[in-house]
Amino acid sequence: MMVNRLIFEGPDDKHVVMNLLFNHEHNGERLCEHFSEKVKDGVDHLIDTLNEELKATDLGRLGVVLDADTDLAKQWARVTRVLDEHGCRAVPAAPNADGTIVETNDSKKIGIWVMPDNKSAGALEDFVGKLIAEGDTLWPKAQADVNGASTSTPKERSPAPAHAAGRTADTATAATGDASYGCAPTREGGYEMTQEFQIGDFVSWGGATGKTNVA
């Protein structure tokens, strides 16, 4: 049986992304139901094992979610080297702003989303920050917790912002959708999105990556 798989560099990435996909649907199915998930031990481990994931005999489609961290171009180059080895077609020089989807020489669809928005340095926390409405009381506390850990590296810092987002992302995303892919929130209510960031781009990328009726 062929499967669609999402791979993440850590558990917080999985928690936030699957929460978002849970709250959107296509053709009556929650987008999270289109995927199995696998969590890696950091971004280096994700990239180092990407070749192995692409060779999996049960793979139908693969979604890759990783952080840009401090250098988007460098991170993208590391990923595209692996994609090139698998004969991926039309790999762009930089990530597409609405998420990148390419195809291997054996016709597997590979989707890549570089946190936070495919065009900026940053990480999951920055992506989540764009989901939170102005005036939210939990988010500043989570940010203060992380900023207080100034002597640690980004991956060693407290995951409080991501966990805080997990408690708010389900309501934040319920207020949004993307007509171009037919996504719709699965329940009513939630925050009004005031930022320019369009979560519909991410939801559409996730939907298109896992869409089973694309040849």
N, C-alpha and C. Protein backbone atom coordinates (compact mmCIF):
# COMPACT_ATOMS: atom_id res chain seq x y z
N MET A 1 0.84 -1.20 0.00
CA MET A 1 0.00 0.00 0.00
C MET A 1 0.88 1.25 0.00
N MET A 2 0.60 2.16 -0.93
CA MET A 2 1.37 3.39 -1.00
C MET A 2 0.82 4.41 0.00
N VAL A 3 1.71 5.16 0.62
CA VAL A 3 1.30 6.13 1.63
C VAL A 3 1.83 7.51 1.29
N ASN A 4 1.09 8.51 1.76
CA ASN A 4 1.57 9.89 1.74
C ASN A 4 2.16 10.18 3.11
N ARG A 5 3.36 10.70 3.14
CA ARG A 5 4.06 10.86 4.41
C ARG A 5 4.52 12.31 4.59
N LEU A 6 4.35 12.83 5.80
CA LEU A 6 4.90 14.13 6.17
C LEU A 6 6.05 13.90 7.13
N ILE A 7 7.19 14.54 6.88
CA ILE A 7 8.32 14.43 7.81
C ILE A 7 8.62 15.80 8.39
N PHE A 8 8.93 15.80 9.68
CA PHE A 8 9.17 17.02 10.43
C PHE A 8 10.52 16.94 11.12
N GLU A 9 11.11 18.09 11.40
CA GLU A 9 12.39 18.07 12.09
C GLU A 9 12.24 17.91 13.59
N GLY A 10 11.05 18.07 14.12
CA GLY A 10 10.84 17.89 15.55
C GLY A 10 9.38 17.75 15.90
N PRO A 11 9.07 17.36 17.14
CA PRO A 11 7.68 17.11 17.55
C PRO A 11 6.81 18.35 17.57
N ASP A 12 7.38 19.53 17.87
CA ASP A 12 6.57 20.74 17.89
C ASP A 12 6.07 21.09 16.49
N ASP A 13 6.93 20.89 15.48
CA ASP A 13 6.52 21.14 14.10
C ASP A 13 5.33 20.24 13.74
N LYS A 14 5.45 18.98 14.12
CA LYS A 14 4.36 18.03 13.85
C LYS A 14 3.08 18.47 14.55
N HIS A 15 3.19 18.86 15.80
CA HIS A 15 2.02 19.23 16.59
C HIS A 15 1.27 20.38 15.94
N VAL A 16 1.99 21.43 15.55
CA VAL A 16 1.35 22.61 14.98
C VAL A 16 0.78 22.31 13.60
N VAL A 17 1.57 21.67 12.75
CA VAL A 17 1.13 21.42 11.37
C VAL A 17 -0.07 20.49 11.33
N MET A 18 -0.03 19.41 12.08
CA MET A 18 -1.15 18.47 12.04
C MET A 18 -2.40 19.09 12.64
N ASN A 19 -2.22 20.01 13.57
CA ASN A 19 -3.36 20.74 14.13
C ASN A 19 -4.01 21.60 13.05
N LEU A 20 -3.19 22.25 12.25
CA LEU A 20 -3.71 23.07 11.16
C LEU A 20 -4.46 22.21 10.14
N LEU A 21 -3.84 21.12 9.73
CA LEU A 21 -4.45 20.26 8.72
C LEU A 21 -5.72 19.58 9.25
N PHE A 22 -5.76 19.35 10.56
CA PHE A 22 -6.96 18.77 11.17
C PHE A 22 -8.15 19.68 11.00
N ASN A 23 -7.90 20.99 11.02
CA ASN A 23 -8.97 21.97 10.99
C ASN A 23 -9.38 22.39 9.58
N HIS A 24 -8.86 21.72 8.57
CA HIS A 24 -9.26 22.01 7.19
C HIS A 24 -9.54 20.69 6.48
N GLU A 25 -10.41 20.76 5.50
CA GLU A 25 -10.78 19.53 4.81
C GLU A 25 -10.87 19.73 3.31
N HIS A 26 -10.84 18.61 2.60
CA HIS A 26 -11.01 18.60 1.15
C HIS A 26 -11.86 17.38 0.80
N ASN A 27 -12.92 17.62 0.05
CA ASN A 27 -13.83 16.53 -0.34
C ASN A 27 -14.32 15.75 0.87
N GLY A 28 -14.60 16.48 1.96
CA GLY A 28 -15.17 15.85 3.13
C GLY A 28 -14.18 15.14 4.04
N GLU A 29 -12.89 15.20 3.73
CA GLU A 29 -11.88 14.56 4.57
C GLU A 29 -10.95 15.61 5.16
N ARG A 30 -10.63 15.46 6.43
CA ARG A 30 -9.65 16.35 7.05
C ARG A 30 -8.31 16.12 6.36
N LEU A 31 -7.58 17.21 6.12
CA LEU A 31 -6.31 17.09 5.40
C LEU A 31 -5.30 16.24 6.16
N CYS A 32 -5.38 16.23 7.49
CA CYS A 32 -4.44 15.42 8.26
C CYS A 32 -4.61 13.93 7.98
N GLU A 33 -5.79 13.53 7.50
CA GLU A 33 -6.05 12.12 7.23
C GLU A 33 -5.39 11.65 5.93
N HIS A 34 -4.82 12.59 5.17
CA HIS A 34 -4.14 12.25 3.92
C HIS A 34 -2.71 11.77 4.16
N PHE A 35 -2.21 11.90 5.39
CA PHE A 35 -0.79 11.66 5.66
C PHE A 35 -0.56 10.72 6.83
N SER A 36 0.57 10.02 6.77
CA SER A 36 1.19 9.47 7.96
C SER A 36 2.28 10.46 8.34
N GLU A 37 2.79 10.37 9.55
CA GLU A 37 3.80 11.36 9.98
C GLU A 37 5.05 10.66 10.50
N LYS A 38 6.16 11.35 10.35
CA LYS A 38 7.42 10.87 10.90
C LYS A 38 8.20 12.07 11.43
N VAL A 39 8.67 11.96 12.67
CA VAL A 39 9.41 13.05 13.31
C VAL A 39 10.89 12.70 13.34
N LYS A 40 11.72 13.64 12.88
CA LYS A 40 13.17 13.45 12.86
C LYS A 40 13.81 14.11 14.08
N ASP A 41 15.08 13.84 14.25
CA ASP A 41 15.82 14.39 15.39
C ASP A 41 16.57 15.64 14.96
N GLY A 42 15.81 16.68 14.56
CA GLY A 42 16.42 17.94 14.16
C GLY A 42 16.55 18.05 12.64
N VAL A 43 16.86 19.26 12.19
CA VAL A 43 16.91 19.53 10.75
C VAL A 43 18.04 18.78 10.06
N ASP A 44 19.18 18.64 10.72
CA ASP A 44 20.29 17.92 10.10
C ASP A 44 19.91 16.46 9.85
N HIS A 45 19.27 15.86 10.84
CA HIS A 45 18.84 14.47 10.68
C HIS A 45 17.80 14.35 9.57
N LEU A 46 16.89 15.33 9.48
CA LEU A 46 15.88 15.30 8.43
C LEU A 46 16.54 15.32 7.05
N ILE A 47 17.47 16.23 6.84
CA ILE A 47 18.11 16.34 5.53
C ILE A 47 19.01 15.13 5.26
N ASP A 48 19.71 14.66 6.29
CA ASP A 48 20.60 13.51 6.11
C ASP A 48 19.84 12.24 5.74
N THR A 49 18.58 12.15 6.17
CA THR A 49 17.80 10.93 5.89
C THR A 49 16.78 11.14 4.77
N LEU A 50 16.81 12.30 4.13
CA LEU A 50 15.84 12.58 3.07
C LEU A 50 16.01 11.62 1.89
N ASN A 51 17.24 11.31 1.56
CA ASN A 51 17.50 10.37 0.48
C ASN A 51 16.84 9.01 0.78
N GLU A 52 16.98 8.58 2.02
CA GLU A 52 16.37 7.31 2.46
C GLU A 52 14.85 7.36 2.35
N GLU A 53 14.27 8.50 2.75
CA GLU A 53 12.81 8.64 2.68
C GLU A 53 12.32 8.58 1.24
N LEU A 54 13.06 9.19 0.33
CA LEU A 54 12.66 9.21 -1.07
C LEU A 54 12.75 7.83 -1.71
N LYS A 55 13.60 6.98 -1.15
CA LYS A 55 13.76 5.63 -1.69
C LYS A 55 12.74 4.63 -1.13
N ALA A 56 11.95 5.05 -0.15
CA ALA A 56 11.01 4.13 0.49
C ALA A 56 10.07 3.52 -0.55
N THR A 57 9.94 2.21 -0.51
CA THR A 57 9.16 1.51 -1.53
C THR A 57 7.66 1.71 -1.35
N ASP A 58 7.23 2.15 -0.16
CA ASP A 58 5.80 2.36 0.08
C ASP A 58 5.39 3.82 -0.10
N LEU A 59 6.31 4.67 -0.57
CA LEU A 59 6.04 6.10 -0.64
C LEU A 59 5.23 6.47 -1.87
N GLY A 60 4.10 7.15 -1.61
CA GLY A 60 3.34 7.72 -2.71
C GLY A 60 3.71 9.17 -2.92
N ARG A 61 3.60 9.95 -1.85
CA ARG A 61 3.96 11.37 -1.86
C ARG A 61 4.67 11.69 -0.55
N LEU A 62 5.51 12.72 -0.59
CA LEU A 62 6.27 13.10 0.60
C LEU A 62 6.17 14.60 0.81
N GLY A 63 5.81 14.98 2.03
CA GLY A 63 5.82 16.38 2.44
C GLY A 63 6.95 16.60 3.43
N VAL A 64 7.74 17.63 3.19
CA VAL A 64 8.91 17.93 4.03
C VAL A 64 8.71 19.30 4.65
N VAL A 65 8.74 19.37 5.99
CA VAL A 65 8.59 20.63 6.71
C VAL A 65 9.84 20.86 7.53
N LEU A 66 10.55 21.95 7.24
CA LEU A 66 11.77 22.26 7.97
C LEU A 66 11.90 23.76 8.15
N ASP A 67 12.78 24.16 9.08
CA ASP A 67 13.01 25.57 9.36
C ASP A 67 14.09 26.15 8.46
N ALA A 68 13.91 27.41 8.07
CA ALA A 68 14.97 28.12 7.36
C ALA A 68 16.12 28.44 8.31
N ASP A 69 15.79 28.63 9.59
CA ASP A 69 16.77 29.08 10.59
C ASP A 69 17.40 30.39 10.15
N THR A 70 18.70 30.54 10.20
CA THR A 70 19.31 31.85 9.92
C THR A 70 19.65 32.06 8.46
N ASP A 71 19.59 31.01 7.64
CA ASP A 71 20.03 31.13 6.25
C ASP A 71 19.12 30.30 5.35
N LEU A 72 18.12 30.94 4.79
CA LEU A 72 17.17 30.22 3.94
C LEU A 72 17.85 29.62 2.72
N ALA A 73 18.71 30.39 2.05
CA ALA A 73 19.36 29.91 0.83
C ALA A 73 20.21 28.68 1.09
N LYS A 74 20.94 28.69 2.19
CA LYS A 74 21.78 27.54 2.53
C LYS A 74 20.93 26.31 2.82
N GLN A 75 19.85 26.50 3.56
CA GLN A 75 18.99 25.36 3.89
C GLN A 75 18.34 24.79 2.62
N TRP A 76 17.91 25.68 1.74
CA TRP A 76 17.28 25.24 0.49
C TRP A 76 18.28 24.48 -0.38
N ALA A 77 19.51 24.95 -0.42
CA ALA A 77 20.54 24.28 -1.22
C ALA A 77 20.78 22.86 -0.72
N ARG A 78 20.75 22.67 0.59
CA ARG A 78 20.96 21.34 1.16
C ARG A 78 19.84 20.39 0.72
N VAL A 79 18.61 20.90 0.71
CA VAL A 79 17.48 20.06 0.31
C VAL A 79 17.53 19.77 -1.18
N THR A 80 17.80 20.79 -1.98
CA THR A 80 17.75 20.60 -3.43
C THR A 80 18.87 19.68 -3.94
N ARG A 81 19.98 19.59 -3.22
CA ARG A 81 21.03 18.64 -3.62
C ARG A 81 20.48 17.21 -3.59
N VAL A 82 19.68 16.91 -2.57
CA VAL A 82 19.09 15.58 -2.47
C VAL A 82 18.04 15.40 -3.57
N LEU A 83 17.23 16.41 -3.80
CA LEU A 83 16.21 16.32 -4.83
C LEU A 83 16.84 16.11 -6.20
N ASP A 84 17.94 16.80 -6.46
CA ASP A 84 18.63 16.65 -7.74
C ASP A 84 19.11 15.21 -7.95
N GLU A 85 19.58 14.59 -6.87
CA GLU A 85 20.05 13.21 -6.96
C GLU A 85 18.95 12.25 -7.38
N HIS A 86 17.71 12.63 -7.12
CA HIS A 86 16.58 11.78 -7.48
C HIS A 86 15.91 12.25 -8.78
N GLY A 87 16.59 13.10 -9.50
CA GLY A 87 16.09 13.53 -10.79
C GLY A 87 14.83 14.36 -10.73
N CYS A 88 14.64 15.08 -9.62
CA CYS A 88 13.43 15.90 -9.51
C CYS A 88 13.41 16.96 -10.60
N ARG A 89 12.24 17.15 -11.17
CA ARG A 89 12.07 18.04 -12.30
C ARG A 89 11.71 19.45 -11.85
N ALA A 90 12.28 20.42 -12.54
CA ALA A 90 11.92 21.83 -12.35
C ALA A 90 12.05 22.28 -10.90
N VAL A 91 13.15 21.91 -10.24
CA VAL A 91 13.39 22.38 -8.87
C VAL A 91 13.77 23.85 -8.94
N PRO A 92 13.03 24.74 -8.29
CA PRO A 92 13.34 26.17 -8.38
C PRO A 92 14.61 26.54 -7.63
N ALA A 93 15.22 27.65 -8.02
CA ALA A 93 16.44 28.12 -7.37
C ALA A 93 16.18 28.57 -5.95
N ALA A 94 14.96 28.97 -5.66
CA ALA A 94 14.53 29.37 -4.32
C ALA A 94 13.14 28.79 -4.09
N PRO A 95 12.75 28.60 -2.84
CA PRO A 95 11.42 28.03 -2.57
C PRO A 95 10.31 28.91 -3.14
N ASN A 96 9.27 28.29 -3.63
CA ASN A 96 8.09 29.05 -4.04
C ASN A 96 7.41 29.63 -2.81
N ALA A 97 6.93 30.84 -2.91
CA ALA A 97 6.35 31.51 -1.75
C ALA A 97 5.14 30.77 -1.19
N ASP A 98 4.41 30.06 -2.04
CA ASP A 98 3.23 29.34 -1.58
C ASP A 98 3.51 27.85 -1.38
N GLY A 99 4.78 27.50 -1.21
CA GLY A 99 5.17 26.10 -1.02
C GLY A 99 5.59 25.48 -2.32
N THR A 100 6.60 24.63 -2.26
CA THR A 100 7.17 24.02 -3.46
C THR A 100 6.72 22.57 -3.59
N ILE A 101 6.32 22.19 -4.81
CA ILE A 101 5.98 20.80 -5.10
C ILE A 101 6.71 20.41 -6.38
N VAL A 102 7.52 19.36 -6.29
CA VAL A 102 8.28 18.87 -7.45
C VAL A 102 7.98 17.39 -7.63
N GLU A 103 8.54 16.82 -8.68
CA GLU A 103 8.29 15.42 -8.99
C GLU A 103 9.60 14.71 -9.27
N THR A 104 9.77 13.52 -8.71
CA THR A 104 10.98 12.74 -8.94
C THR A 104 10.91 12.06 -10.30
N ASN A 105 12.04 11.44 -10.69
CA ASN A 105 12.06 10.76 -11.99
C ASN A 105 11.18 9.52 -12.02
N ASP A 106 10.74 9.06 -10.84
CA ASP A 106 9.78 7.95 -10.83
C ASP A 106 8.38 8.41 -10.44
N SER A 107 8.13 9.71 -10.69
CA SER A 107 6.79 10.31 -10.60
C SER A 107 6.23 10.42 -9.19
N LYS A 108 7.10 10.48 -8.18
CA LYS A 108 6.64 10.75 -6.83
C LYS A 108 6.58 12.27 -6.63
N LYS A 109 5.48 12.75 -6.06
CA LYS A 109 5.33 14.16 -5.76
C LYS A 109 5.98 14.47 -4.41
N ILE A 110 6.83 15.49 -4.39
CA ILE A 110 7.53 15.91 -3.17
C ILE A 110 7.18 17.36 -2.88
N GLY A 111 6.60 17.61 -1.72
CA GLY A 111 6.28 18.97 -1.30
C GLY A 111 7.23 19.43 -0.22
N ILE A 112 7.71 20.67 -0.34
CA ILE A 112 8.62 21.22 0.67
C ILE A 112 8.10 22.55 1.15
N TRP A 113 8.00 22.69 2.47
CA TRP A 113 7.64 23.98 3.08
C TRP A 113 8.78 24.35 4.03
N VAL A 114 9.36 25.54 3.81
CA VAL A 114 10.46 26.01 4.65
C VAL A 114 9.91 27.09 5.58
N MET A 115 9.86 26.76 6.85
CA MET A 115 9.34 27.69 7.85
C MET A 115 10.24 28.93 7.96
N PRO A 116 9.65 30.13 8.10
CA PRO A 116 8.23 30.30 8.35
C PRO A 116 7.36 30.48 7.10
N ASP A 117 7.89 31.06 6.03
CA ASP A 117 7.03 31.44 4.90
C ASP A 117 7.70 31.23 3.54
N ASN A 118 8.74 30.39 3.49
CA ASN A 118 9.45 30.07 2.25
C ASN A 118 10.26 31.23 1.67
N LYS A 119 10.33 32.34 2.36
CA LYS A 119 11.08 33.47 1.83
C LYS A 119 11.86 34.24 2.89
N SER A 120 11.72 33.85 4.15
CA SER A 120 12.37 34.56 5.24
C SER A 120 13.17 33.61 6.11
N ALA A 121 14.22 34.15 6.74
CA ALA A 121 14.90 33.40 7.79
C ALA A 121 13.93 33.26 8.96
N GLY A 122 14.07 32.19 9.71
CA GLY A 122 13.18 32.01 10.85
C GLY A 122 12.87 30.54 11.07
N ALA A 123 11.85 30.30 11.87
CA ALA A 123 11.55 28.93 12.29
C ALA A 123 10.06 28.80 12.58
N LEU A 124 9.71 27.66 13.16
CA LEU A 124 8.32 27.37 13.49
C LEU A 124 7.69 28.48 14.33
N GLU A 125 8.45 28.99 15.31
CA GLU A 125 7.91 30.01 16.19
C GLU A 125 7.46 31.25 15.42
N ASP A 126 8.21 31.59 14.36
CA ASP A 126 7.83 32.75 13.55
C ASP A 126 6.56 32.47 12.75
N PHE A 127 6.44 31.26 12.24
CA PHE A 127 5.23 30.84 11.54
C PHE A 127 4.02 30.93 12.46
N VAL A 128 4.18 30.41 13.67
CA VAL A 128 3.08 30.42 14.63
C VAL A 128 2.71 31.84 15.01
N GLY A 129 3.72 32.70 15.15
CA GLY A 129 3.45 34.08 15.52
C GLY A 129 2.54 34.78 14.54
N LYS A 130 2.60 34.36 13.28
CA LYS A 130 1.76 34.96 12.26
C LYS A 130 0.31 34.48 12.34
N LEU A 131 0.09 33.41 13.09
CA LEU A 131 -1.26 32.87 13.24
C LEU A 131 -2.03 33.52 14.38
N ILE A 132 -1.30 34.13 15.31
CA ILE A 132 -1.91 34.60 16.54
C ILE A 132 -2.44 36.02 16.37
N ALA A 133 -3.68 36.23 16.70
CA ALA A 133 -4.30 37.54 16.56
C ALA A 133 -3.69 38.53 17.56
N GLU A 134 -3.68 39.79 17.16
CA GLU A 134 -3.22 40.84 18.07
C GLU A 134 -4.11 40.85 19.31
N GLY A 135 -3.48 41.05 20.45
CA GLY A 135 -4.22 41.07 21.69
C GLY A 135 -4.28 39.75 22.41
N ASP A 136 -3.76 38.68 21.77
CA ASP A 136 -3.73 37.39 22.44
C ASP A 136 -2.85 37.49 23.69
N THR A 137 -3.31 36.96 24.80
CA THR A 137 -2.59 37.11 26.06
C THR A 137 -1.57 36.01 26.33
N LEU A 138 -1.74 34.85 25.71
CA LEU A 138 -0.84 33.73 25.96
C LEU A 138 0.46 33.86 25.19
N TRP A 139 0.38 34.35 23.95
CA TRP A 139 1.55 34.40 23.09
C TRP A 139 2.70 35.23 23.64
N PRO A 140 2.47 36.47 24.17
CA PRO A 140 3.60 37.24 24.73
C PRO A 140 4.29 36.51 25.89
N LYS A 141 3.54 35.77 26.67
CA LYS A 141 4.15 35.02 27.78
C LYS A 141 5.05 33.91 27.24
N ALA A 142 4.59 33.25 26.19
CA ALA A 142 5.41 32.19 25.59
C ALA A 142 6.68 32.77 24.99
N GLN A 143 6.55 33.92 24.30
CA GLN A 143 7.72 34.57 23.72
C GLN A 143 8.72 34.98 24.80
N ALA A 144 8.21 35.50 25.91
CA ALA A 144 9.09 35.92 27.00
C ALA A 144 9.85 34.73 27.57
N ASP A 145 9.20 33.58 27.62
CA ASP A 145 9.84 32.38 28.13
C ASP A 145 11.03 31.99 27.27
N VAL A 146 10.83 32.05 25.93
CA VAL A 146 11.91 31.70 25.02
C VAL A 146 13.01 32.74 25.04
N ASN A 147 12.65 34.00 25.02
CA ASN A 147 13.65 35.07 25.01
C ASN A 147 14.50 35.06 26.26
N GLY A 148 13.96 34.51 27.34
CA GLY A 148 14.72 34.44 28.58
C GLY A 148 15.82 33.40 28.52
N ALA A 149 15.73 32.47 27.55
CA ALA A 149 16.74 31.42 27.41
C ALA A 149 17.80 31.88 26.42
N SER A 150 18.42 33.02 26.68
CA SER A 150 19.31 33.66 25.70
C SER A 150 20.61 32.92 25.49
N THR A 151 20.98 32.04 26.41
CA THR A 151 22.27 31.35 26.26
C THR A 151 22.15 30.04 25.51
N SER A 152 20.93 29.65 25.14
CA SER A 152 20.74 28.37 24.45
C SER A 152 20.60 28.59 22.96
N THR A 153 20.81 27.52 22.21
CA THR A 153 20.62 27.59 20.77
C THR A 153 19.13 27.51 20.47
N PRO A 154 18.70 27.88 19.24
CA PRO A 154 17.27 27.84 18.92
C PRO A 154 16.63 26.49 19.18
N LYS A 155 17.31 25.40 18.86
CA LYS A 155 16.71 24.08 19.03
C LYS A 155 16.73 23.62 20.48
N GLU A 156 17.55 24.30 21.33
CA GLU A 156 17.62 23.91 22.74
C GLU A 156 16.64 24.70 23.59
N ARG A 157 16.07 25.77 23.02
CA ARG A 157 15.19 26.61 23.81
C ARG A 157 13.88 25.91 24.12
N SER A 158 13.20 26.48 25.11
CA SER A 158 11.92 25.90 25.51
C SER A 158 10.95 25.90 24.35
N PRO A 159 10.20 24.81 24.16
CA PRO A 159 9.22 24.75 23.09
C PRO A 159 7.90 25.41 23.45
N ALA A 160 7.89 26.25 24.49
CA ALA A 160 6.64 26.84 24.95
C ALA A 160 5.85 27.54 23.85
N PRO A 161 6.50 28.35 22.96
CA PRO A 161 5.70 29.01 21.93
C PRO A 161 4.95 28.03 21.05
N ALA A 162 5.60 26.95 20.67
CA ALA A 162 4.93 25.98 19.81
C ALA A 162 3.77 25.32 20.54
N HIS A 163 3.97 25.00 21.82
CA HIS A 163 2.89 24.38 22.58
C HIS A 163 1.78 25.39 22.83
N ALA A 164 2.16 26.65 23.07
CA ALA A 164 1.14 27.68 23.21
C ALA A 164 0.34 27.80 21.94
N ALA A 165 1.03 27.71 20.83
CA ALA A 165 0.35 27.82 19.54
C ALA A 165 -0.58 26.63 19.33
N GLY A 166 -0.17 25.47 19.82
CA GLY A 166 -1.03 24.31 19.65
C GLY A 166 -2.39 24.51 20.30
N ARG A 167 -2.41 25.30 21.38
CA ARG A 167 -3.69 25.53 22.05
C ARG A 167 -4.49 26.63 21.38
N THR A 168 -3.84 27.43 20.54
CA THR A 168 -4.56 28.52 19.88
C THR A 168 -4.69 28.32 18.38
N ALA A 169 -3.81 27.50 17.79
CA ALA A 169 -3.84 27.34 16.33
C ALA A 169 -5.12 26.71 15.85
N ASP A 170 -5.72 25.82 16.65
CA ASP A 170 -6.95 25.18 16.19
C ASP A 170 -8.07 26.20 16.03
N THR A 171 -8.11 27.22 16.91
CA THR A 171 -9.13 28.24 16.75
C THR A 171 -8.71 29.29 15.74
N ALA A 172 -7.43 29.59 15.67
CA ALA A 172 -6.96 30.57 14.70
C ALA A 172 -7.20 30.09 13.28
N THR A 173 -6.92 28.84 13.01
CA THR A 173 -7.07 28.33 11.66
C THR A 173 -8.52 28.09 11.30
N ALA A 174 -9.39 27.95 12.28
CA ALA A 174 -10.79 27.73 11.98
C ALA A 174 -11.42 28.93 11.29
N ALA A 175 -10.76 30.09 11.41
CA ALA A 175 -11.30 31.30 10.80
C ALA A 175 -10.85 31.48 9.37
N THR A 176 -10.03 30.57 8.85
CA THR A 176 -9.47 30.76 7.52
C THR A 176 -9.70 29.56 6.64
N GLY A 177 -9.53 29.75 5.35
CA GLY A 177 -9.63 28.68 4.38
C GLY A 177 -9.03 29.15 3.07
N ASP A 178 -9.08 28.31 2.06
CA ASP A 178 -8.52 28.70 0.78
C ASP A 178 -9.43 28.20 -0.33
N ALA A 179 -10.11 29.13 -0.99
CA ALA A 179 -11.10 28.75 -1.99
C ALA A 179 -10.46 28.07 -3.19
N SER A 180 -9.21 28.41 -3.49
CA SER A 180 -8.59 27.87 -4.68
C SER A 180 -8.38 26.36 -4.57
N TYR A 181 -8.29 25.84 -3.37
CA TYR A 181 -8.16 24.39 -3.19
C TYR A 181 -9.44 23.78 -2.62
N GLY A 182 -10.40 24.62 -2.30
CA GLY A 182 -11.65 24.11 -1.76
C GLY A 182 -11.57 23.77 -0.29
N CYS A 183 -10.58 24.32 0.41
CA CYS A 183 -10.47 24.04 1.84
C CYS A 183 -11.54 24.81 2.59
N ALA A 184 -12.05 24.22 3.66
CA ALA A 184 -13.03 24.91 4.47
C ALA A 184 -12.79 24.55 5.93
N PRO A 185 -12.99 25.50 6.85
CA PRO A 185 -12.84 25.16 8.26
C PRO A 185 -13.86 24.11 8.67
N THR A 186 -13.47 23.25 9.60
CA THR A 186 -14.36 22.16 9.99
C THR A 186 -15.24 22.54 11.17
N ARG A 187 -15.01 23.70 11.74
CA ARG A 187 -15.91 24.16 12.78
C ARG A 187 -15.88 25.68 12.82
N GLU A 188 -16.85 26.27 13.48
CA GLU A 188 -16.99 27.71 13.49
C GLU A 188 -16.23 28.32 14.67
N GLY A 189 -16.07 29.64 14.59
CA GLY A 189 -15.44 30.35 15.69
C GLY A 189 -13.97 30.57 15.46
N GLY A 190 -13.27 31.09 16.47
CA GLY A 190 -11.84 31.29 16.36
C GLY A 190 -11.47 32.74 16.22
N TYR A 191 -10.17 32.99 16.15
CA TYR A 191 -9.65 34.34 16.05
C TYR A 191 -9.85 34.90 14.65
N GLU A 192 -10.00 36.19 14.57
CA GLU A 192 -9.99 36.85 13.26
C GLU A 192 -8.55 37.10 12.88
N MET A 193 -8.14 36.65 11.69
CA MET A 193 -6.77 36.82 11.25
C MET A 193 -6.54 38.25 10.77
N THR A 194 -5.65 38.97 11.40
CA THR A 194 -5.42 40.36 11.03
C THR A 194 -4.10 40.55 10.29
N GLN A 195 -3.22 39.54 10.31
CA GLN A 195 -1.93 39.67 9.67
C GLN A 195 -2.04 39.47 8.17
N GLU A 196 -1.05 39.95 7.42
CA GLU A 196 -1.02 39.77 5.98
C GLU A 196 -0.77 38.31 5.61
N PHE A 197 -0.14 37.57 6.50
CA PHE A 197 0.17 36.16 6.24
C PHE A 197 -1.10 35.39 5.91
N GLN A 198 -1.05 34.62 4.84
CA GLN A 198 -2.22 33.84 4.43
C GLN A 198 -2.00 32.37 4.77
N ILE A 199 -2.65 31.91 5.82
CA ILE A 199 -2.50 30.51 6.20
C ILE A 199 -3.06 29.62 5.11
N GLY A 200 -3.93 30.17 4.25
CA GLY A 200 -4.45 29.40 3.14
C GLY A 200 -3.34 28.87 2.24
N ASP A 201 -2.22 29.60 2.12
CA ASP A 201 -1.10 29.12 1.31
C ASP A 201 -0.57 27.81 1.87
N PHE A 202 -0.41 27.77 3.19
CA PHE A 202 0.13 26.55 3.80
C PHE A 202 -0.87 25.41 3.68
N VAL A 203 -2.13 25.70 3.94
CA VAL A 203 -3.15 24.66 3.86
C VAL A 203 -3.25 24.13 2.42
N SER A 204 -3.19 25.03 1.45
CA SER A 204 -3.26 24.59 0.05
C SER A 204 -2.05 23.75 -0.32
N TRP A 205 -0.87 24.14 0.18
CA TRP A 205 0.33 23.34 -0.07
C TRP A 205 0.16 21.94 0.52
N GLY A 206 -0.32 21.88 1.77
CA GLY A 206 -0.52 20.57 2.39
C GLY A 206 -1.54 19.75 1.65
N GLY A 207 -2.61 20.40 1.21
CA GLY A 207 -3.63 19.68 0.48
C GLY A 207 -3.13 19.17 -0.86
N ALA A 208 -2.40 20.03 -1.59
CA ALA A 208 -1.90 19.62 -2.90
C ALA A 208 -0.84 18.54 -2.78
N THR A 209 -0.03 18.59 -1.73
CA THR A 209 0.99 17.56 -1.52
C THR A 209 0.35 16.20 -1.28
N GLY A 210 -0.75 16.18 -0.53
CA GLY A 210 -1.39 14.91 -0.20
C GLY A 210 -2.53 14.52 -1.11
N LYS A 211 -2.80 15.33 -2.11
CA LYS A 211 -3.95 15.11 -2.98
C LYS A 211 -3.76 13.83 -3.80
N THR A 212 -4.61 12.88 -3.61
CA THR A 212 -4.40 11.57 -4.21
C THR A 212 -4.91 11.45 -5.63
N ASN A 213 -5.70 12.43 -6.10
CA ASN A 213 -6.26 12.29 -7.44
C ASN A 213 -5.51 13.11 -8.48
N VAL A 214 -4.26 13.50 -8.16
CA VAL A 214 -3.42 14.18 -9.12
C VAL A 214 -2.56 13.14 -9.82
N ALA A 215 -2.55 13.15 -11.14
CA ALA A 215 -1.78 12.13 -11.89
C ALA A 215 -0.30 12.30 -11.66
